[in-house]
Amino acid sequence: MSITKKPLKSKPVSKVTFKVEKDLIGDAETVNLVGDFNNWDSAETPMKGAKNGSFTVALDLENGKTYNFRYLVNGTSWVNDPEADGSAPSPYPDATNSLINL
């Protein structure tokens, strides 16, 4: 799993690529990136599957902010990113969110 951040010279944003490896999500059929940047809409940011079982998506996110996010696997299981910049409590007592700082 990895998160790459590439600041854009022309705008105050960074192109952020999120990648989830198969070892974390098993034989997932769908993975969606859900977080502050899409108002926690579970259908707004589907990730693209690769032949090796990983999933990726790239977003332009505003610099100078911290975003909470999680991955929704097969529409039922929530997974955090172990390589995120940190974690934070979620509104749910049994869960935490991953963080990305830009």
PDB file of N, CA and C in Angstrom:
ATOM      1  N   MET A   1       0.849  -1.168   0.000  1.00  0.00           N
ATOM      2  CA  MET A   1       0.000   0.000   0.000  1.00  0.00           C
ATOM      3  C   MET A   1       0.887   1.221   0.000  1.00  0.00           C
ATOM      4  N   SER A   2       0.410   2.222  -0.672  1.00  0.00           N
ATOM      5  CA  SER A   2       1.216   3.438  -0.669  1.00  0.00           C
ATOM      6  C   SER A   2       0.362   4.641  -1.018  1.00  0.00           C
ATOM      7  N   ILE A   3       0.829   5.759  -0.536  1.00  0.00           N
ATOM      8  CA  ILE A   3       0.226   7.041  -0.864  1.00  0.00           C
ATOM      9  C   ILE A   3       1.356   7.906  -1.404  1.00  0.00           C
ATOM     10  N   THR A   4       1.177   8.440  -2.606  1.00  0.00           N
ATOM     11  CA  THR A   4       2.176   9.352  -3.153  1.00  0.00           C
ATOM     12  C   THR A   4       1.553  10.725  -3.307  1.00  0.00           C
ATOM     13  N   LYS A   5       2.355  11.752  -3.021  1.00  0.00           N
ATOM     14  CA  LYS A   5       1.896  13.141  -3.094  1.00  0.00           C
ATOM     15  C   LYS A   5       2.813  13.902  -4.039  1.00  0.00           C
ATOM     16  N   LYS A   6       2.210  14.548  -5.010  1.00  0.00           N
ATOM     17  CA  LYS A   6       2.985  15.326  -5.965  1.00  0.00           C
ATOM     18  C   LYS A   6       2.377  16.728  -6.060  1.00  0.00           C
ATOM     19  N   PRO A   7       3.035  17.740  -5.456  1.00  0.00           N
ATOM     20  CA  PRO A   7       2.514  19.114  -5.543  1.00  0.00           C
ATOM     21  C   PRO A   7       2.487  19.596  -6.995  1.00  0.00           C
ATOM     22  N   LEU A   8       1.418  20.271  -7.362  1.00  0.00           N
ATOM     23  CA  LEU A   8       1.311  20.848  -8.699  1.00  0.00           C
ATOM     24  C   LEU A   8       1.854  22.268  -8.671  1.00  0.00           C
ATOM     25  N   LYS A   9       2.608  22.641  -9.666  1.00  0.00           N
ATOM     26  CA  LYS A   9       3.208  23.975  -9.725  1.00  0.00           C
ATOM     27  C   LYS A   9       2.195  25.052 -10.076  1.00  0.00           C
ATOM     28  N   SER A  10       1.166  24.670 -10.839  1.00  0.00           N
ATOM     29  CA  SER A  10       0.220  25.660 -11.344  1.00  0.00           C
ATOM     30  C   SER A  10      -0.945  25.961 -10.397  1.00  0.00           C
ATOM     31  N   LYS A  11      -1.143  25.130  -9.365  1.00  0.00           N
ATOM     32  CA  LYS A  11      -2.274  25.302  -8.456  1.00  0.00           C
ATOM     33  C   LYS A  11      -1.827  24.961  -7.033  1.00  0.00           C
ATOM     34  N   PRO A  12      -2.561  25.448  -6.022  1.00  0.00           N
ATOM     35  CA  PRO A  12      -2.222  25.112  -4.628  1.00  0.00           C
ATOM     36  C   PRO A  12      -2.785  23.750  -4.213  1.00  0.00           C
ATOM     37  N   VAL A  13      -2.582  22.752  -5.045  1.00  0.00           N
ATOM     38  CA  VAL A  13      -3.061  21.402  -4.778  1.00  0.00           C
ATOM     39  C   VAL A  13      -1.941  20.397  -5.027  1.00  0.00           C
ATOM     40  N   SER A  14      -2.155  19.199  -4.539  1.00  0.00           N
ATOM     41  CA  SER A  14      -1.250  18.088  -4.816  1.00  0.00           C
ATOM     42  C   SER A  14      -2.040  16.960  -5.446  1.00  0.00           C
ATOM     43  N   LYS A  15      -1.414  16.266  -6.400  1.00  0.00           N
ATOM     44  CA  LYS A  15      -2.005  15.048  -6.951  1.00  0.00           C
ATOM     45  C   LYS A  15      -1.616  13.930  -5.996  1.00  0.00           C
ATOM     46  N   VAL A  16      -2.618  13.341  -5.379  1.00  0.00           N
ATOM     47  CA  VAL A  16      -2.395  12.294  -4.385  1.00  0.00           C
ATOM     48  C   VAL A  16      -2.914  10.980  -4.959  1.00  0.00           C
ATOM     49  N   THR A  17      -2.027   9.993  -5.012  1.00  0.00           N
ATOM     50  CA  THR A  17      -2.407   8.671  -5.493  1.00  0.00           C
ATOM     51  C   THR A  17      -2.487   7.721  -4.309  1.00  0.00           C
ATOM     52  N   PHE A  18      -3.639   7.097  -4.153  1.00  0.00           N
ATOM     53  CA  PHE A  18      -3.883   6.118  -3.101  1.00  0.00           C
ATOM     54  C   PHE A  18      -3.830   4.729  -3.736  1.00  0.00           C
ATOM     55  N   LYS A  19      -3.092   3.819  -3.120  1.00  0.00           N
ATOM     56  CA  LYS A  19      -2.996   2.451  -3.629  1.00  0.00           C
ATOM     57  C   LYS A  19      -3.175   1.477  -2.472  1.00  0.00           C
ATOM     58  N   VAL A  20      -4.065   0.511  -2.662  1.00  0.00           N
ATOM     59  CA  VAL A  20      -4.310  -0.521  -1.669  1.00  0.00           C
ATOM     60  C   VAL A  20      -3.858  -1.855  -2.267  1.00  0.00           C
ATOM     61  N   GLU A  21      -2.976  -2.538  -1.565  1.00  0.00           N
ATOM     62  CA  GLU A  21      -2.452  -3.823  -2.042  1.00  0.00           C
ATOM     63  C   GLU A  21      -3.395  -4.970  -1.674  1.00  0.00           C
ATOM     64  N   LYS A  22      -3.328  -6.024  -2.456  1.00  0.00           N
ATOM     65  CA  LYS A  22      -4.176  -7.204  -2.267  1.00  0.00           C
ATOM     66  C   LYS A  22      -3.999  -7.826  -0.888  1.00  0.00           C
ATOM     67  N   ASP A  23      -2.790  -7.784  -0.326  1.00  0.00           N
ATOM     68  CA  ASP A  23      -2.571  -8.423   0.971  1.00  0.00           C
ATOM     69  C   ASP A  23      -3.413  -7.801   2.088  1.00  0.00           C
ATOM     70  N   LEU A  24      -3.867  -6.579   1.915  1.00  0.00           N
ATOM     71  CA  LEU A  24      -4.709  -5.927   2.917  1.00  0.00           C
ATOM     72  C   LEU A  24      -6.194  -6.162   2.674  1.00  0.00           C
ATOM     73  N   ILE A  25      -6.578  -6.333   1.412  1.00  0.00           N
ATOM     74  CA  ILE A  25      -8.004  -6.401   1.076  1.00  0.00           C
ATOM     75  C   ILE A  25      -8.444  -7.760   0.536  1.00  0.00           C
ATOM     76  N   GLY A  26      -7.521  -8.693   0.407  1.00  0.00           N
ATOM     77  CA  GLY A  26      -7.874 -10.017  -0.098  1.00  0.00           C
ATOM     78  C   GLY A  26      -8.363  -9.967  -1.534  1.00  0.00           C
ATOM     79  N   ASP A  27      -9.312 -10.814  -1.846  1.00  0.00           N
ATOM     80  CA  ASP A  27      -9.852 -10.881  -3.208  1.00  0.00           C
ATOM     81  C   ASP A  27     -11.025  -9.919  -3.381  1.00  0.00           C
ATOM     82  N   ALA A  28     -10.779  -8.663  -3.109  1.00  0.00           N
ATOM     83  CA  ALA A  28     -11.834  -7.645  -3.196  1.00  0.00           C
ATOM     84  C   ALA A  28     -12.330  -7.492  -4.628  1.00  0.00           C
ATOM     85  N   GLU A  29     -13.619  -7.259  -4.747  1.00  0.00           N
ATOM     86  CA  GLU A  29     -14.208  -6.974  -6.050  1.00  0.00           C
ATOM     87  C   GLU A  29     -14.303  -5.473  -6.280  1.00  0.00           C
ATOM     88  N   THR A  30     -14.567  -4.720  -5.199  1.00  0.00           N
ATOM     89  CA  THR A  30     -14.645  -3.261  -5.297  1.00  0.00           C
ATOM     90  C   THR A  30     -13.971  -2.633  -4.086  1.00  0.00           C
ATOM     91  N   VAL A  31     -13.365  -1.480  -4.315  1.00  0.00           N
ATOM     92  CA  VAL A  31     -12.806  -0.670  -3.234  1.00  0.00           C
ATOM     93  C   VAL A  31     -13.133   0.782  -3.555  1.00  0.00           C
ATOM     94  N   ASN A  32     -13.657   1.492  -2.565  1.00  0.00           N
ATOM     95  CA  ASN A  32     -13.951   2.909  -2.726  1.00  0.00           C
ATOM     96  C   ASN A  32     -13.156   3.695  -1.692  1.00  0.00           C
ATOM     97  N   LEU A  33     -12.626   4.825  -2.108  1.00  0.00           N
ATOM     98  CA  LEU A  33     -11.938   5.744  -1.208  1.00  0.00           C
ATOM     99  C   LEU A  33     -12.989   6.706  -0.669  1.00  0.00           C
ATOM    100  N   VAL A  34     -13.092   6.782   0.651  1.00  0.00           N
ATOM    101  CA  VAL A  34     -14.139   7.580   1.281  1.00  0.00           C
ATOM    102  C   VAL A  34     -13.492   8.476   2.327  1.00  0.00           C
ATOM    103  N   GLY A  35     -13.845   9.773   2.322  1.00  0.00           N
ATOM    104  CA  GLY A  35     -13.240  10.661   3.299  1.00  0.00           C
ATOM    105  C   GLY A  35     -13.793  12.073   3.258  1.00  0.00           C
ATOM    106  N   ASP A  36     -13.083  12.950   3.962  1.00  0.00           N
ATOM    107  CA  ASP A  36     -13.480  14.362   4.036  1.00  0.00           C
ATOM    108  C   ASP A  36     -13.603  14.992   2.649  1.00  0.00           C
ATOM    109  N   PHE A  37     -12.716  14.602   1.747  1.00  0.00           N
ATOM    110  CA  PHE A  37     -12.640  15.224   0.418  1.00  0.00           C
ATOM    111  C   PHE A  37     -13.827  14.902  -0.469  1.00  0.00           C
ATOM    112  N   ASN A  38     -14.623  13.882  -0.126  1.00  0.00           N
ATOM    113  CA  ASN A  38     -15.829  13.586  -0.907  1.00  0.00           C
ATOM    114  C   ASN A  38     -17.066  13.489  -0.005  1.00  0.00           C
ATOM    115  N   ASN A  39     -17.011  14.198   1.141  1.00  0.00           N
ATOM    116  CA  ASN A  39     -18.130  14.240   2.087  1.00  0.00           C
ATOM    117  C   ASN A  39     -18.569  12.848   2.543  1.00  0.00           C
ATOM    118  N   TRP A  40     -17.612  11.935   2.621  1.00  0.00           N
ATOM    119  CA  TRP A  40     -17.856  10.566   3.079  1.00  0.00           C
ATOM    120  C   TRP A  40     -18.926   9.868   2.246  1.00  0.00           C
ATOM    121  N   ASP A  41     -18.960  10.198   0.958  1.00  0.00           N
ATOM    122  CA  ASP A  41     -19.885   9.549   0.023  1.00  0.00           C
ATOM    123  C   ASP A  41     -19.240   8.244  -0.447  1.00  0.00           C
ATOM    124  N   SER A  42     -19.804   7.126  -0.049  1.00  0.00           N
ATOM    125  CA  SER A  42     -19.188   5.826  -0.326  1.00  0.00           C
ATOM    126  C   SER A  42     -19.198   5.433  -1.799  1.00  0.00           C
ATOM    127  N   ALA A  43     -19.951   6.142  -2.632  1.00  0.00           N
ATOM    128  CA  ALA A  43     -20.011   5.801  -4.050  1.00  0.00           C
ATOM    129  C   ALA A  43     -19.248   6.782  -4.940  1.00  0.00           C
ATOM    130  N   GLU A  44     -18.788   7.894  -4.385  1.00  0.00           N
ATOM    131  CA  GLU A  44     -18.228   8.955  -5.216  1.00  0.00           C
ATOM    132  C   GLU A  44     -16.834   8.660  -5.780  1.00  0.00           C
ATOM    133  N   THR A  45     -16.005   7.922  -5.055  1.00  0.00           N
ATOM    134  CA  THR A  45     -14.620   7.744  -5.497  1.00  0.00           C
ATOM    135  C   THR A  45     -14.246   6.262  -5.568  1.00  0.00           C
ATOM    136  N   PRO A  46     -14.737   5.560  -6.611  1.00  0.00           N
ATOM    137  CA  PRO A  46     -14.340   4.163  -6.775  1.00  0.00           C
ATOM    138  C   PRO A  46     -12.875   4.076  -7.194  1.00  0.00           C
ATOM    139  N   MET A  47     -12.212   3.033  -6.745  1.00  0.00           N
ATOM    140  CA  MET A  47     -10.816   2.816  -7.108  1.00  0.00           C
ATOM    141  C   MET A  47     -10.764   1.806  -8.246  1.00  0.00           C
ATOM    142  N   LYS A  48      -9.712   1.909  -9.057  1.00  0.00           N
ATOM    143  CA  LYS A  48      -9.570   1.039 -10.219  1.00  0.00           C
ATOM    144  C   LYS A  48      -8.730  -0.178  -9.851  1.00  0.00           C
ATOM    145  N   GLY A  49      -9.264  -1.358 -10.149  1.00  0.00           N
ATOM    146  CA  GLY A  49      -8.561  -2.602  -9.858  1.00  0.00           C
ATOM    147  C   GLY A  49      -7.502  -2.911 -10.900  1.00  0.00           C
ATOM    148  N   ALA A  50      -6.415  -3.527 -10.448  1.00  0.00           N
ATOM    149  CA  ALA A  50      -5.336  -3.962 -11.335  1.00  0.00           C
ATOM    150  C   ALA A  50      -5.302  -5.493 -11.359  1.00  0.00           C
ATOM    151  N   LYS A  51      -4.605  -6.045 -12.332  1.00  0.00           N
ATOM    152  CA  LYS A  51      -4.518  -7.500 -12.473  1.00  0.00           C
ATOM    153  C   LYS A  51      -3.898  -8.166 -11.257  1.00  0.00           C
ATOM    154  N   ASN A  52      -3.027  -7.461 -10.548  1.00  0.00           N
ATOM    155  CA  ASN A  52      -2.361  -8.049  -9.380  1.00  0.00           C
ATOM    156  C   ASN A  52      -3.219  -7.991  -8.115  1.00  0.00           C
ATOM    157  N   GLY A  53      -4.452  -7.478  -8.217  1.00  0.00           N
ATOM    158  CA  GLY A  53      -5.361  -7.432  -7.083  1.00  0.00           C
ATOM    159  C   GLY A  53      -5.324  -6.142  -6.287  1.00  0.00           C
ATOM    160  N   SER A  54      -4.447  -5.218  -6.660  1.00  0.00           N
ATOM    161  CA  SER A  54      -4.401  -3.926  -5.974  1.00  0.00           C
ATOM    162  C   SER A  54      -5.437  -2.980  -6.589  1.00  0.00           C
ATOM    163  N   PHE A  55      -5.717  -1.886  -5.882  1.00  0.00           N
ATOM    164  CA  PHE A  55      -6.648  -0.865  -6.360  1.00  0.00           C
ATOM    165  C   PHE A  55      -5.999   0.500  -6.192  1.00  0.00           C
ATOM    166  N   THR A  56      -6.212   1.413  -7.163  1.00  0.00           N
ATOM    167  CA  THR A  56      -5.638   2.754  -7.100  1.00  0.00           C
ATOM    168  C   THR A  56      -6.659   3.802  -7.541  1.00  0.00           C
ATOM    169  N   VAL A  57      -6.404   5.024  -7.064  1.00  0.00           N
ATOM    170  CA  VAL A  57      -7.149   6.193  -7.526  1.00  0.00           C
ATOM    171  C   VAL A  57      -6.281   7.423  -7.228  1.00  0.00           C
ATOM    172  N   ALA A  58      -6.375   8.434  -8.088  1.00  0.00           N
ATOM    173  CA  ALA A  58      -5.634   9.684  -7.895  1.00  0.00           C
ATOM    174  C   ALA A  58      -6.622  10.840  -7.781  1.00  0.00           C
ATOM    175  N   LEU A  59      -6.341  11.737  -6.822  1.00  0.00           N
ATOM    176  CA  LEU A  59      -7.181  12.909  -6.596  1.00  0.00           C
ATOM    177  C   LEU A  59      -6.311  14.143  -6.488  1.00  0.00           C
ATOM    178  N   ASP A  60      -6.846  15.297  -6.877  1.00  0.00           N
ATOM    179  CA  ASP A  60      -6.204  16.577  -6.608  1.00  0.00           C
ATOM    180  C   ASP A  60      -6.789  17.109  -5.308  1.00  0.00           C
ATOM    181  N   LEU A  61      -5.930  17.238  -4.276  1.00  0.00           N
ATOM    182  CA  LEU A  61      -6.380  17.709  -2.969  1.00  0.00           C
ATOM    183  C   LEU A  61      -5.664  18.995  -2.590  1.00  0.00           C
ATOM    184  N   GLU A  62      -6.388  19.886  -1.933  1.00  0.00           N
ATOM    185  CA  GLU A  62      -5.869  21.199  -1.556  1.00  0.00           C
ATOM    186  C   GLU A  62      -4.731  21.066  -0.537  1.00  0.00           C
ATOM    187  N   ASN A  63      -3.652  21.790  -0.785  1.00  0.00           N
ATOM    188  CA  ASN A  63      -2.503  21.806   0.121  1.00  0.00           C
ATOM    189  C   ASN A  63      -2.851  22.530   1.419  1.00  0.00           C
ATOM    190  N   GLY A  64      -2.099  22.240   2.477  1.00  0.00           N
ATOM    191  CA  GLY A  64      -2.281  22.913   3.751  1.00  0.00           C
ATOM    192  C   GLY A  64      -3.412  22.360   4.596  1.00  0.00           C
ATOM    193  N   LYS A  65      -3.931  21.203   4.226  1.00  0.00           N
ATOM    194  CA  LYS A  65      -5.042  20.605   4.960  1.00  0.00           C
ATOM    195  C   LYS A  65      -4.695  19.186   5.397  1.00  0.00           C
ATOM    196  N   THR A  66      -5.435  18.704   6.386  1.00  0.00           N
ATOM    197  CA  THR A  66      -5.372  17.313   6.806  1.00  0.00           C
ATOM    198  C   THR A  66      -6.722  16.685   6.512  1.00  0.00           C
ATOM    199  N   TYR A  67      -6.697  15.521   5.881  1.00  0.00           N
ATOM    200  CA  TYR A  67      -7.921  14.838   5.485  1.00  0.00           C
ATOM    201  C   TYR A  67      -8.043  13.500   6.208  1.00  0.00           C
ATOM    202  N   ASN A  68      -9.249  13.192   6.699  1.00  0.00           N
ATOM    203  CA  ASN A  68      -9.588  11.876   7.236  1.00  0.00           C
ATOM    204  C   ASN A  68     -10.088  11.027   6.081  1.00  0.00           C
ATOM    205  N   PHE A  69      -9.741   9.734   6.087  1.00  0.00           N
ATOM    206  CA  PHE A  69     -10.235   8.846   5.037  1.00  0.00           C
ATOM    207  C   PHE A  69     -10.166   7.392   5.483  1.00  0.00           C
ATOM    208  N   ARG A  70     -10.862   6.548   4.721  1.00  0.00           N
ATOM    209  CA  ARG A  70     -10.822   5.089   4.892  1.00  0.00           C
ATOM    210  C   ARG A  70     -11.131   4.462   3.540  1.00  0.00           C
ATOM    211  N   TYR A  71     -10.869   3.160   3.439  1.00  0.00           N
ATOM    212  CA  TYR A  71     -11.225   2.395   2.251  1.00  0.00           C
ATOM    213  C   TYR A  71     -12.438   1.525   2.582  1.00  0.00           C
ATOM    214  N   LEU A  72     -13.414   1.502   1.665  1.00  0.00           N
ATOM    215  CA  LEU A  72     -14.591   0.654   1.816  1.00  0.00           C
ATOM    216  C   LEU A  72     -14.468  -0.502   0.821  1.00  0.00           C
ATOM    217  N   VAL A  73     -14.317  -1.704   1.348  1.00  0.00           N
ATOM    218  CA  VAL A  73     -14.072  -2.895   0.524  1.00  0.00           C
ATOM    219  C   VAL A  73     -15.371  -3.671   0.345  1.00  0.00           C
ATOM    220  N   ASN A  74     -15.711  -3.928  -0.912  1.00  0.00           N
ATOM    221  CA  ASN A  74     -16.918  -4.681  -1.274  1.00  0.00           C
ATOM    222  C   ASN A  74     -18.196  -4.099  -0.659  1.00  0.00           C
ATOM    223  N   GLY A  75     -18.163  -2.816  -0.354  1.00  0.00           N
ATOM    224  CA  GLY A  75     -19.342  -2.140   0.169  1.00  0.00           C
ATOM    225  C   GLY A  75     -19.704  -2.505   1.596  1.00  0.00           C
ATOM    226  N   THR A  76     -18.853  -3.302   2.273  1.00  0.00           N
ATOM    227  CA  THR A  76     -19.215  -3.762   3.614  1.00  0.00           C
ATOM    228  C   THR A  76     -18.104  -3.629   4.658  1.00  0.00           C
ATOM    229  N   SER A  77     -16.849  -3.694   4.262  1.00  0.00           N
ATOM    230  CA  SER A  77     -15.743  -3.707   5.230  1.00  0.00           C
ATOM    231  C   SER A  77     -14.911  -2.437   5.130  1.00  0.00           C
ATOM    232  N   TRP A  78     -14.655  -1.809   6.278  1.00  0.00           N
ATOM    233  CA  TRP A  78     -13.830  -0.608   6.317  1.00  0.00           C
ATOM    234  C   TRP A  78     -12.393  -0.986   6.646  1.00  0.00           C
ATOM    235  N   VAL A  79     -11.434  -0.392   5.918  1.00  0.00           N
ATOM    236  CA  VAL A  79     -10.019  -0.684   6.113  1.00  0.00           C
ATOM    237  C   VAL A  79      -9.259   0.638   6.201  1.00  0.00           C
ATOM    238  N   ASN A  80      -8.351   0.714   7.163  1.00  0.00           N
ATOM    239  CA  ASN A  80      -7.476   1.878   7.284  1.00  0.00           C
ATOM    240  C   ASN A  80      -6.185   1.637   6.520  1.00  0.00           C
ATOM    241  N   ASP A  81      -5.490   2.708   6.229  1.00  0.00           N
ATOM    242  CA  ASP A  81      -4.217   2.635   5.509  1.00  0.00           C
ATOM    243  C   ASP A  81      -3.074   2.661   6.517  1.00  0.00           C
ATOM    244  N   PRO A  82      -2.332   1.550   6.657  1.00  0.00           N
ATOM    245  CA  PRO A  82      -1.240   1.524   7.626  1.00  0.00           C
ATOM    246  C   PRO A  82      -0.082   2.463   7.282  1.00  0.00           C
ATOM    247  N   GLU A  83      -0.030   2.959   6.057  1.00  0.00           N
ATOM    248  CA  GLU A  83       1.028   3.880   5.652  1.00  0.00           C
ATOM    249  C   GLU A  83       0.558   5.334   5.617  1.00  0.00           C
ATOM    250  N   ALA A  84      -0.615   5.596   6.182  1.00  0.00           N
ATOM    251  CA  ALA A  84      -1.132   6.971   6.246  1.00  0.00           C
ATOM    252  C   ALA A  84      -0.241   7.814   7.142  1.00  0.00           C
ATOM    253  N   ASP A  85      -0.435   9.127   7.094  1.00  0.00           N
ATOM    254  CA  ASP A  85       0.358  10.050   7.911  1.00  0.00           C
ATOM    255  C   ASP A  85       0.010   9.969   9.394  1.00  0.00           C
ATOM    256  N   GLY A  86      -1.094   9.331   9.716  1.00  0.00           N
ATOM    257  CA  GLY A  86      -1.507   9.191  11.102  1.00  0.00           C
ATOM    258  C   GLY A  86      -2.906   8.633  11.169  1.00  0.00           C
ATOM    259  N   SER A  87      -3.474   8.658  12.366  1.00  0.00           N
ATOM    260  CA  SER A  87      -4.849   8.209  12.546  1.00  0.00           C
ATOM    261  C   SER A  87      -5.548   9.153  13.515  1.00  0.00           C
ATOM    262  N   ALA A  88      -6.872   9.108  13.477  1.00  0.00           N
ATOM    263  CA  ALA A  88      -7.684   9.975  14.332  1.00  0.00           C
ATOM    264  C   ALA A  88      -8.955   9.233  14.707  1.00  0.00           C
ATOM    265  N   PRO A  89      -9.517   9.558  15.864  1.00  0.00           N
ATOM    266  CA  PRO A  89     -10.785   8.932  16.248  1.00  0.00           C
ATOM    267  C   PRO A  89     -11.876   9.281  15.233  1.00  0.00           C
ATOM    268  N   SER A  90     -12.769   8.351  15.024  1.00  0.00           N
ATOM    269  CA  SER A  90     -13.926   8.619  14.174  1.00  0.00           C
ATOM    270  C   SER A  90     -15.133   8.841  15.074  1.00  0.00           C
ATOM    271  N   PRO A  91     -16.269   9.237  14.526  1.00  0.00           N
ATOM    272  CA  PRO A  91     -17.470   9.405  15.350  1.00  0.00           C
ATOM    273  C   PRO A  91     -17.982   8.084  15.924  1.00  0.00           C
ATOM    274  N   TYR A  92     -17.451   6.967  15.423  1.00  0.00           N
ATOM    275  CA  TYR A  92     -17.887   5.650  15.875  1.00  0.00           C
ATOM    276  C   TYR A  92     -16.893   5.095  16.890  1.00  0.00           C
ATOM    277  N   PRO A  93     -17.361   4.612  18.017  1.00  0.00           N
ATOM    278  CA  PRO A  93     -16.446   4.230  19.104  1.00  0.00           C
ATOM    279  C   PRO A  93     -15.500   3.082  18.770  1.00  0.00           C
ATOM    280  N   ASP A  94     -15.842   2.243  17.810  1.00  0.00           N
ATOM    281  CA  ASP A  94     -15.007   1.089  17.498  1.00  0.00           C
ATOM    282  C   ASP A  94     -14.135   1.299  16.264  1.00  0.00           C
ATOM    283  N   ALA A  95     -13.948   2.548  15.824  1.00  0.00           N
ATOM    284  CA  ALA A  95     -13.204   2.780  14.579  1.00  0.00           C
ATOM    285  C   ALA A  95     -12.345   4.035  14.664  1.00  0.00           C
ATOM    286  N   THR A  96     -11.289   4.022  13.873  1.00  0.00           N
ATOM    287  CA  THR A  96     -10.447   5.206  13.681  1.00  0.00           C
ATOM    288  C   THR A  96     -10.365   5.487  12.197  1.00  0.00           C
ATOM    289  N   ASN A  97      -9.972   6.690  11.855  1.00  0.00           N
ATOM    290  CA  ASN A  97      -9.780   7.083  10.461  1.00  0.00           C
ATOM    291  C   ASN A  97      -8.293   7.205  10.179  1.00  0.00           C
ATOM    292  N   SER A  98      -7.915   7.007   8.941  1.00  0.00           N
ATOM    293  CA  SER A  98      -6.561   7.310   8.493  1.00  0.00           C
ATOM    294  C   SER A  98      -6.478   8.798   8.184  1.00  0.00           C
ATOM    295  N   LEU A  99      -5.271   9.366   8.272  1.00  0.00           N
ATOM    296  CA  LEU A  99      -5.055  10.784   7.995  1.00  0.00           C
ATOM    297  C   LEU A  99      -4.019  10.961   6.905  1.00  0.00           C
ATOM    298  N   ILE A 100      -4.225  11.994   6.084  1.00  0.00           N
ATOM    299  CA  ILE A 100      -3.210  12.421   5.125  1.00  0.00           C
ATOM    300  C   ILE A 100      -3.027  13.926   5.300  1.00  0.00           C
ATOM    301  N   ASN A 101      -1.768  14.334   5.437  1.00  0.00           N
ATOM    302  CA  ASN A 101      -1.430  15.765   5.602  1.00  0.00           C
ATOM    303  C   ASN A 101      -0.812  16.299   4.323  1.00  0.00           C
ATOM    304  N   LEU A 102      -1.319  17.421   3.870  1.00  0.00           N
ATOM    305  CA  LEU A 102      -0.753  18.046   2.664  1.00  0.00           C
ATOM    306  C   LEU A 102      -0.237  19.422   2.997  1.00  0.00           C
TER     307      LEU A 102
END
